[in-house]
N, C-alpha and C. Protein backbone atom coordinates (compact mmCIF):
# COMPACT_ATOMS: atom_id res chain seq x y z
N MET A 1 42.54 37.77 42.81
CA MET A 1 41.04 37.42 42.33
C MET A 1 40.23 38.75 42.33
N MET A 2 40.06 38.31 40.90
CA MET A 2 39.07 39.51 40.04
C MET A 2 37.82 39.05 40.04
N ALA A 3 36.53 40.09 40.22
CA ALA A 3 35.12 39.85 39.82
C ALA A 3 34.79 40.52 39.18
N GLN A 4 34.23 39.47 38.34
CA GLN A 4 33.26 40.42 36.78
C GLN A 4 32.18 40.33 37.57
N LEU A 5 31.29 42.11 36.55
CA LEU A 5 30.46 42.14 37.02
C LEU A 5 29.53 42.13 35.54
N ALA A 6 28.47 41.56 35.35
CA ALA A 6 27.68 41.55 33.94
C ALA A 6 26.46 41.12 34.48
N PHE A 7 25.59 41.95 33.24
CA PHE A 7 24.05 41.58 33.50
C PHE A 7 23.28 40.06 33.09
N SER A 8 24.25 39.75 31.81
CA SER A 8 23.92 38.14 31.58
C SER A 8 24.92 37.56 31.32
N SER A 9 24.62 36.15 30.68
CA SER A 9 26.19 35.34 30.94
C SER A 9 26.40 36.10 29.14
N SER A 10 25.23 36.07 28.24
CA SER A 10 25.79 36.88 27.03
C SER A 10 25.63 38.52 26.60
N VAL A 11 26.18 38.90 27.70
CA VAL A 11 27.00 40.61 28.08
C VAL A 11 28.18 40.32 28.62
N SER A 12 29.22 40.67 27.50
CA SER A 12 30.48 41.11 27.95
C SER A 12 30.47 41.80 29.59
N PRO A 13 31.57 41.54 30.14
CA PRO A 13 31.72 41.98 31.29
C PRO A 13 31.82 44.17 31.62
N VAL A 14 31.22 44.54 32.17
CA VAL A 14 30.52 45.84 32.39
C VAL A 14 31.60 46.78 33.30
N ALA A 15 31.80 45.38 34.03
CA ALA A 15 33.29 45.97 35.09
C ALA A 15 34.06 44.92 35.82
N THR A 16 35.55 45.25 35.65
CA THR A 16 36.43 44.68 36.94
C THR A 16 36.30 45.31 37.82
N ILE A 17 36.24 44.63 39.05
CA ILE A 17 36.56 45.20 40.56
C ILE A 17 37.53 44.25 41.21
N SER A 18 38.53 44.65 41.71
CA SER A 18 39.08 43.83 42.75
C SER A 18 38.72 43.68 44.13
N PRO A 19 39.05 42.23 44.50
CA PRO A 19 37.99 42.38 46.21
C PRO A 19 38.38 43.21 47.45
N SER A 20 39.60 44.00 47.05
CA SER A 20 40.39 45.20 48.15
C SER A 20 39.35 46.08 48.30
N PHE A 21 39.09 46.56 46.73
CA PHE A 21 38.25 47.62 46.35
C PHE A 21 37.24 47.85 47.19
N LEU A 22 35.99 45.86 46.95
CA LEU A 22 34.72 45.83 46.99
C LEU A 22 34.78 46.14 48.57
N SER A 23 35.79 45.74 49.57
CA SER A 23 36.15 46.09 50.88
C SER A 23 35.99 47.57 51.60
N GLN A 24 36.32 48.42 51.14
CA GLN A 24 36.33 50.04 51.17
C GLN A 24 34.70 50.18 51.66
N SER A 25 34.89 51.09 52.58
CA SER A 25 33.49 51.03 53.29
C SER A 25 32.38 52.50 52.61
N SER A 26 33.02 53.19 51.58
CA SER A 26 32.46 53.89 51.25
C SER A 26 31.67 53.61 49.96
N LEU A 27 32.11 52.04 49.54
CA LEU A 27 31.81 51.53 48.08
C LEU A 27 30.62 50.85 48.84
N LYS A 28 30.82 49.70 50.28
CA LYS A 28 29.64 49.22 50.87
C LYS A 28 28.89 50.27 50.89
N ARG A 29 28.63 51.07 51.31
CA ARG A 29 27.97 52.27 51.30
C ARG A 29 26.69 52.39 49.92
N THR A 30 27.62 52.50 49.43
CA THR A 30 26.85 52.65 48.33
C THR A 30 26.03 52.20 47.89
N LEU A 31 26.11 50.94 47.79
CA LEU A 31 25.74 49.15 47.76
C LEU A 31 25.15 48.91 48.42
N SER A 32 24.60 49.75 49.50
CA SER A 32 23.79 49.10 50.44
C SER A 32 22.04 49.15 49.96
N LEU A 33 21.53 48.30 50.85
CA LEU A 33 20.56 48.35 50.50
C LEU A 33 19.35 49.22 50.38
N ASN A 34 19.97 50.11 51.64
CA ASN A 34 18.91 51.48 51.49
C ASN A 34 19.11 52.79 50.22
N SER A 35 20.55 52.46 49.05
CA SER A 35 21.04 52.65 47.74
C SER A 35 19.95 52.20 47.14
N SER A 36 19.62 51.00 47.02
CA SER A 36 19.09 50.27 45.96
C SER A 36 17.65 51.23 45.26
N ALA A 37 17.00 51.73 45.68
CA ALA A 37 15.85 52.38 45.12
C ALA A 37 16.34 53.54 44.35
N ARG A 38 17.54 53.85 44.82
CA ARG A 38 17.51 55.19 44.17
C ARG A 38 18.44 54.52 42.58
N ILE A 39 18.87 54.01 43.10
CA ILE A 39 19.97 53.10 41.90
C ILE A 39 18.80 52.52 40.74
N GLY A 40 18.21 51.50 41.44
CA GLY A 40 16.54 51.27 40.70
C GLY A 40 15.57 52.24 39.89
N ILE A 41 15.82 53.18 40.18
CA ILE A 41 15.09 54.62 39.62
C ILE A 41 16.07 54.88 37.71
N ALA A 42 17.05 54.85 38.08
CA ALA A 42 17.93 55.23 37.50
C ALA A 42 18.09 54.31 36.30
N PHE A 43 17.75 52.53 36.95
CA PHE A 43 17.49 51.75 35.64
C PHE A 43 16.13 51.63 35.00
N GLY A 44 14.90 52.37 35.99
CA GLY A 44 14.17 51.63 35.37
C GLY A 44 13.30 50.81 35.85
N VAL A 45 13.90 50.15 37.42
CA VAL A 45 13.35 49.03 37.90
C VAL A 45 12.86 49.35 39.41
N LYS A 46 12.58 48.77 40.35
CA LYS A 46 12.55 48.92 41.38
C LYS A 46 12.39 47.30 42.32
N PRO A 47 13.25 47.39 43.73
CA PRO A 47 13.48 46.06 44.14
C PRO A 47 12.17 45.80 44.72
N ALA A 48 11.51 44.76 45.09
CA ALA A 48 10.05 44.55 46.09
C ALA A 48 10.20 43.15 46.46
N ARG A 49 10.65 42.75 47.55
CA ARG A 49 10.48 41.81 48.30
C ARG A 49 11.54 40.81 47.61
N GLY A 50 13.13 40.76 47.31
CA GLY A 50 13.44 39.97 46.70
C GLY A 50 13.56 39.69 45.17
N ARG A 51 12.74 40.72 44.16
CA ARG A 51 12.91 40.22 43.36
C ARG A 51 12.71 42.27 42.72
N ILE A 52 12.79 41.41 41.40
CA ILE A 52 12.83 43.21 40.77
C ILE A 52 11.32 43.56 39.60
N THR A 53 11.27 44.58 40.09
CA THR A 53 9.51 45.09 38.93
C THR A 53 10.30 46.25 38.28
N ALA A 54 9.57 46.10 37.04
CA ALA A 54 9.92 47.21 35.85
C ALA A 54 8.89 47.88 36.70
N MET A 55 9.50 49.56 36.35
CA MET A 55 8.25 50.34 36.36
C MET A 55 8.19 51.18 35.41
N ALA A 56 7.03 51.44 35.53
CA ALA A 56 6.72 52.60 34.78
C ALA A 56 7.15 53.06 34.21
N THR A 57 6.70 53.82 32.74
CA THR A 57 7.39 55.27 32.32
C THR A 57 6.08 55.97 31.47
N TYR A 58 6.15 57.16 31.53
CA TYR A 58 4.73 58.19 30.98
C TYR A 58 5.44 58.53 30.03
N LYS A 59 4.77 59.30 28.58
CA LYS A 59 4.65 60.34 27.93
C LYS A 59 4.23 61.65 28.75
N VAL A 60 5.45 62.42 28.60
CA VAL A 60 4.30 63.64 29.07
C VAL A 60 4.72 64.80 28.03
N LYS A 61 3.53 65.33 27.36
CA LYS A 61 3.57 66.30 26.35
C LYS A 61 3.33 67.83 27.09
N PHE A 62 4.70 68.73 26.73
CA PHE A 62 4.58 70.08 27.42
C PHE A 62 4.13 70.67 26.28
N ILE A 63 2.71 71.78 26.36
CA ILE A 63 2.49 73.23 25.83
C ILE A 63 3.23 74.02 26.62
N THR A 64 4.17 74.66 25.86
CA THR A 64 4.91 76.11 26.63
C THR A 64 4.87 77.10 25.23
N PRO A 65 5.26 78.20 25.68
CA PRO A 65 5.17 79.37 25.18
C PRO A 65 5.76 79.10 23.93
N ASP A 66 7.44 78.31 23.95
CA ASP A 66 8.12 78.31 23.33
C ASP A 66 7.47 76.59 22.09
N GLY A 67 6.76 76.64 22.33
CA GLY A 67 6.08 74.92 21.67
C GLY A 67 5.98 73.77 22.27
N GLU A 68 5.75 73.01 21.59
CA GLU A 68 5.35 71.53 22.21
C GLU A 68 6.73 70.99 22.53
N SER A 69 6.91 69.88 23.26
CA SER A 69 7.87 68.69 23.32
C SER A 69 7.35 67.40 24.36
N VAL A 70 7.72 66.49 23.81
CA VAL A 70 7.63 65.20 24.78
C VAL A 70 8.73 64.58 25.47
N ILE A 71 8.65 64.19 26.38
CA ILE A 71 9.63 63.39 27.04
C ILE A 71 9.27 62.28 27.96
N ASP A 72 9.89 61.50 28.05
CA ASP A 72 9.47 59.89 28.99
C ASP A 72 9.78 60.33 30.22
N CYS A 73 8.87 59.95 31.37
CA CYS A 73 9.05 60.64 32.67
C CYS A 73 9.07 58.96 33.16
N PRO A 74 9.82 58.58 33.70
CA PRO A 74 9.88 57.19 34.70
C PRO A 74 8.77 57.58 36.14
N GLU A 75 8.07 56.46 36.52
CA GLU A 75 7.28 56.26 37.55
C GLU A 75 8.68 56.76 38.95
N GLY A 76 8.14 57.76 39.55
CA GLY A 76 8.74 57.93 41.40
C GLY A 76 9.87 59.49 40.29
N VAL A 77 9.25 59.55 39.81
CA VAL A 77 10.40 61.02 39.23
C VAL A 77 9.29 62.11 38.65
N TYR A 78 9.48 63.16 39.70
CA TYR A 78 8.67 64.33 39.42
C TYR A 78 9.00 65.07 37.79
N ILE A 79 8.14 65.86 37.85
CA ILE A 79 7.82 65.98 36.15
C ILE A 79 8.66 66.64 36.10
N LEU A 80 8.97 68.05 36.74
CA LEU A 80 9.88 68.80 36.32
C LEU A 80 11.61 68.52 36.01
N ASP A 81 11.65 67.25 37.20
CA ASP A 81 13.19 66.74 37.12
C ASP A 81 13.40 66.31 35.88
N ALA A 82 12.24 65.05 35.43
CA ALA A 82 12.37 64.94 34.30
C ALA A 82 12.36 65.51 32.86
N ALA A 83 11.84 66.75 33.22
CA ALA A 83 11.94 67.42 31.61
C ALA A 83 13.59 68.67 31.74
N GLU A 84 13.84 68.42 33.13
CA GLU A 84 15.58 69.19 33.72
C GLU A 84 16.43 68.28 32.70
N ASP A 85 16.36 66.58 33.26
CA ASP A 85 17.07 66.20 32.55
C ASP A 85 17.01 65.82 31.04
N ALA A 86 15.60 65.79 30.14
CA ALA A 86 15.56 66.13 28.86
C ALA A 86 16.13 67.07 28.41
N GLY A 87 16.32 68.28 29.07
CA GLY A 87 16.93 69.46 28.47
C GLY A 87 15.93 70.78 28.40
N LEU A 88 15.02 70.26 28.86
CA LEU A 88 13.78 71.42 28.88
C LEU A 88 13.92 72.61 29.92
N GLU A 89 14.00 73.64 29.69
CA GLU A 89 14.07 74.90 31.24
C GLU A 89 12.23 75.47 30.75
N LEU A 90 11.85 74.39 32.26
CA LEU A 90 10.47 74.88 32.54
C LEU A 90 11.05 75.91 34.32
N PRO A 91 9.96 77.03 33.98
CA PRO A 91 10.03 77.59 35.24
C PRO A 91 9.73 76.91 36.87
N TYR A 92 10.89 78.08 37.96
CA TYR A 92 10.03 76.99 39.63
C TYR A 92 10.97 77.71 39.95
N SER A 93 10.46 78.08 41.33
CA SER A 93 11.38 78.48 42.58
C SER A 93 11.52 78.21 43.64
N CYS A 94 10.96 77.48 44.65
CA CYS A 94 10.99 76.75 45.54
C CYS A 94 11.50 75.10 45.60
N ARG A 95 10.97 74.51 44.65
CA ARG A 95 10.79 72.99 44.18
C ARG A 95 10.46 71.95 45.68
N ALA A 96 9.61 72.93 46.12
CA ALA A 96 9.30 72.34 47.49
C ALA A 96 7.67 72.20 47.08
N GLY A 97 6.84 72.46 46.67
CA GLY A 97 5.61 72.77 46.53
C GLY A 97 4.66 73.38 47.38
N ALA A 98 5.39 74.91 47.45
CA ALA A 98 5.06 75.89 48.55
C ALA A 98 4.87 76.87 48.03
N CYS A 99 5.03 77.07 46.90
CA CYS A 99 4.84 78.37 45.87
C CYS A 99 3.83 78.15 43.95
N SER A 100 3.98 78.64 43.43
CA SER A 100 3.46 78.96 42.32
C SER A 100 4.00 78.70 40.71
N SER A 101 5.32 78.97 41.44
CA SER A 101 6.48 79.50 39.88
C SER A 101 6.55 78.20 38.95
N CYS A 102 6.24 76.57 39.87
CA CYS A 102 6.32 76.07 38.47
C CYS A 102 4.89 75.23 37.77
N ALA A 103 4.26 76.13 38.50
CA ALA A 103 2.35 75.40 37.75
C ALA A 103 2.58 75.65 36.64
N GLY A 104 1.57 74.23 36.59
CA GLY A 104 1.20 73.87 35.32
C GLY A 104 -0.83 73.49 34.82
N LYS A 105 -1.41 73.35 33.77
CA LYS A 105 -2.56 73.27 33.59
C LYS A 105 -2.46 71.74 32.58
N VAL A 106 -2.91 70.30 33.84
CA VAL A 106 -2.98 68.94 33.49
C VAL A 106 -4.17 69.59 31.97
N LEU A 107 -3.66 69.12 31.00
CA LEU A 107 -4.88 69.36 29.64
C LEU A 107 -5.90 67.51 30.10
N GLU A 108 -4.91 66.67 29.86
CA GLU A 108 -4.65 64.98 29.84
C GLU A 108 -4.45 64.27 30.68
N GLY A 109 -4.97 63.19 31.34
CA GLY A 109 -3.92 62.45 32.25
C GLY A 109 -4.16 62.86 33.64
N SER A 110 -3.36 62.01 34.43
CA SER A 110 -3.42 62.37 35.91
C SER A 110 -2.10 62.29 36.50
N VAL A 111 -2.07 62.29 37.67
CA VAL A 111 -0.75 63.23 38.45
C VAL A 111 -0.90 62.57 39.84
N ASP A 112 -0.06 62.26 40.69
CA ASP A 112 -0.19 62.27 42.29
C ASP A 112 0.73 63.80 42.34
N GLN A 113 0.32 64.53 42.91
CA GLN A 113 0.73 65.43 43.62
C GLN A 113 0.88 66.12 45.31
N SER A 114 0.36 64.63 45.67
CA SER A 114 0.49 64.54 47.45
C SER A 114 1.40 65.27 48.19
N ASP A 115 2.81 65.32 47.12
CA ASP A 115 4.16 65.91 47.98
C ASP A 115 3.80 67.40 48.58
N GLY A 116 2.88 68.11 47.16
CA GLY A 116 2.65 69.35 47.47
C GLY A 116 1.60 69.99 48.99
N SER A 117 1.63 71.41 48.84
CA SER A 117 0.94 72.58 49.69
C SER A 117 0.66 73.56 49.40
N PHE A 118 0.88 73.84 48.64
CA PHE A 118 0.38 75.54 47.95
C PHE A 118 -0.92 75.05 46.99
N LEU A 119 -1.38 74.23 46.14
CA LEU A 119 -3.00 74.38 45.85
C LEU A 119 -3.93 73.35 46.77
N ASP A 120 -5.07 74.53 46.52
CA ASP A 120 -5.99 73.71 46.96
C ASP A 120 -6.81 72.64 46.66
N ASP A 121 -7.63 72.26 46.43
CA ASP A 121 -8.51 70.86 46.25
C ASP A 121 -9.34 71.32 44.78
N GLU A 122 -9.68 73.02 45.16
CA GLU A 122 -10.55 73.74 44.05
C GLU A 122 -9.48 73.72 42.78
N GLN A 123 -8.14 73.84 43.34
CA GLN A 123 -7.28 74.56 42.07
C GLN A 123 -6.66 73.01 41.30
N MET A 124 -6.51 72.13 42.47
CA MET A 124 -6.28 70.99 41.78
C MET A 124 -7.25 70.26 40.59
N ASP A 125 -8.89 70.33 41.45
CA ASP A 125 -9.58 69.71 40.55
C ASP A 125 -10.15 70.44 38.98
N ASN A 126 -9.66 71.63 39.11
CA ASN A 126 -9.44 72.22 37.78
C ASN A 126 -8.08 72.40 37.27
N GLY A 127 -7.34 70.95 37.25
CA GLY A 127 -6.08 70.67 36.67
C GLY A 127 -4.91 71.28 36.80
N PHE A 128 -5.14 72.06 37.73
CA PHE A 128 -3.82 72.65 38.03
C PHE A 128 -2.27 71.66 38.57
N VAL A 129 -1.68 71.59 38.37
CA VAL A 129 -0.50 71.07 38.75
C VAL A 129 0.91 71.55 39.41
N LEU A 130 1.86 71.57 40.72
CA LEU A 130 3.02 72.05 40.52
C LEU A 130 3.83 70.92 39.99
N THR A 131 4.31 70.69 39.08
CA THR A 131 5.39 70.55 38.28
C THR A 131 6.70 69.68 39.04
N CYS A 132 6.83 70.65 40.17
CA CYS A 132 8.07 70.16 40.82
C CYS A 132 7.74 69.40 42.13
N VAL A 133 6.92 68.96 42.05
CA VAL A 133 6.19 67.53 43.03
C VAL A 133 4.97 67.14 42.59
N ALA A 134 5.04 66.53 41.53
CA ALA A 134 4.19 66.08 40.81
C ALA A 134 4.26 64.50 39.91
N TYR A 135 3.84 63.51 40.34
CA TYR A 135 4.68 62.43 39.60
C TYR A 135 3.47 61.93 38.79
N PRO A 136 3.67 61.68 37.31
CA PRO A 136 2.86 61.19 36.15
C PRO A 136 2.50 59.69 36.93
N THR A 137 0.66 59.76 36.88
CA THR A 137 0.38 58.64 37.09
C THR A 137 -0.30 57.25 35.35
N SER A 138 0.15 58.56 34.74
CA SER A 138 -0.58 58.05 32.94
C SER A 138 0.39 59.29 31.87
N ASP A 139 -0.34 58.75 31.05
CA ASP A 139 0.74 59.77 30.06
C ASP A 139 -0.36 60.76 30.31
N LEU A 140 0.56 62.51 29.97
CA LEU A 140 -0.16 63.46 30.39
C LEU A 140 0.48 64.40 29.05
N VAL A 141 -0.24 65.20 29.29
CA VAL A 141 -0.02 66.91 28.35
C VAL A 141 -0.39 67.80 29.40
N VAL A 142 0.39 68.90 29.65
CA VAL A 142 0.89 69.28 30.45
C VAL A 142 1.10 71.02 29.77
N GLU A 143 0.24 72.09 30.29
CA GLU A 143 0.32 73.39 29.89
C GLU A 143 1.45 74.37 30.61
N THR A 144 2.07 74.33 30.65
CA THR A 144 3.36 75.28 31.34
C THR A 144 3.05 76.25 31.72
N HIS A 145 3.64 77.35 32.10
CA HIS A 145 3.78 78.25 32.42
C HIS A 145 2.13 79.23 32.96
N ALA A 146 1.73 78.36 33.88
CA ALA A 146 0.28 78.36 34.45
C ALA A 146 0.23 79.39 35.86
N GLU A 147 1.54 79.99 35.96
CA GLU A 147 1.73 80.49 37.72
C GLU A 147 0.77 81.58 37.88
N ASP A 148 -0.05 82.86 36.70
CA ASP A 148 -0.40 83.58 36.18
C ASP A 148 -2.02 83.43 36.63
N GLU A 149 -2.34 82.32 36.08
CA GLU A 149 -3.85 81.69 36.34
C GLU A 149 -4.20 81.05 37.32
N VAL A 150 -3.15 80.37 38.50
CA VAL A 150 -3.78 80.01 39.64
C VAL A 150 -4.24 81.07 40.43
N SER A 151 -5.29 80.74 40.81
CA SER A 151 -5.95 81.52 41.35
C SER A 151 -6.78 81.36 42.51
């Protein structure tokens, strides 16, 4: 017996999987509920008590020394990670919010950078952001390469 997977009845099967393959423990772990949040982020959805909710995607405009670039950044994805996924090379070091290598300045929009520990309240009030630990909460304009300005 073969199982067919598809997103809807109007879409051709995405994959054909044998039942014996589904019984392998590594696949069971991959398809477990614990991994559904990670898988959902990749597809722009998030599980919510038995239903799927669409996630927001924000436009992030970077002003860099090399020019301007605009990317889409899904909700729940760090700004630096989304930039790298889009092929941009931005400065970083620790990737943990404990230094200022990835510092930028938010010119428009808002972020959640509660995962960071390096910037103080005054620096954040002045618009500084650590792109390695900041999630967009609206469309953004970020001036990058601001490590020297953080004081």
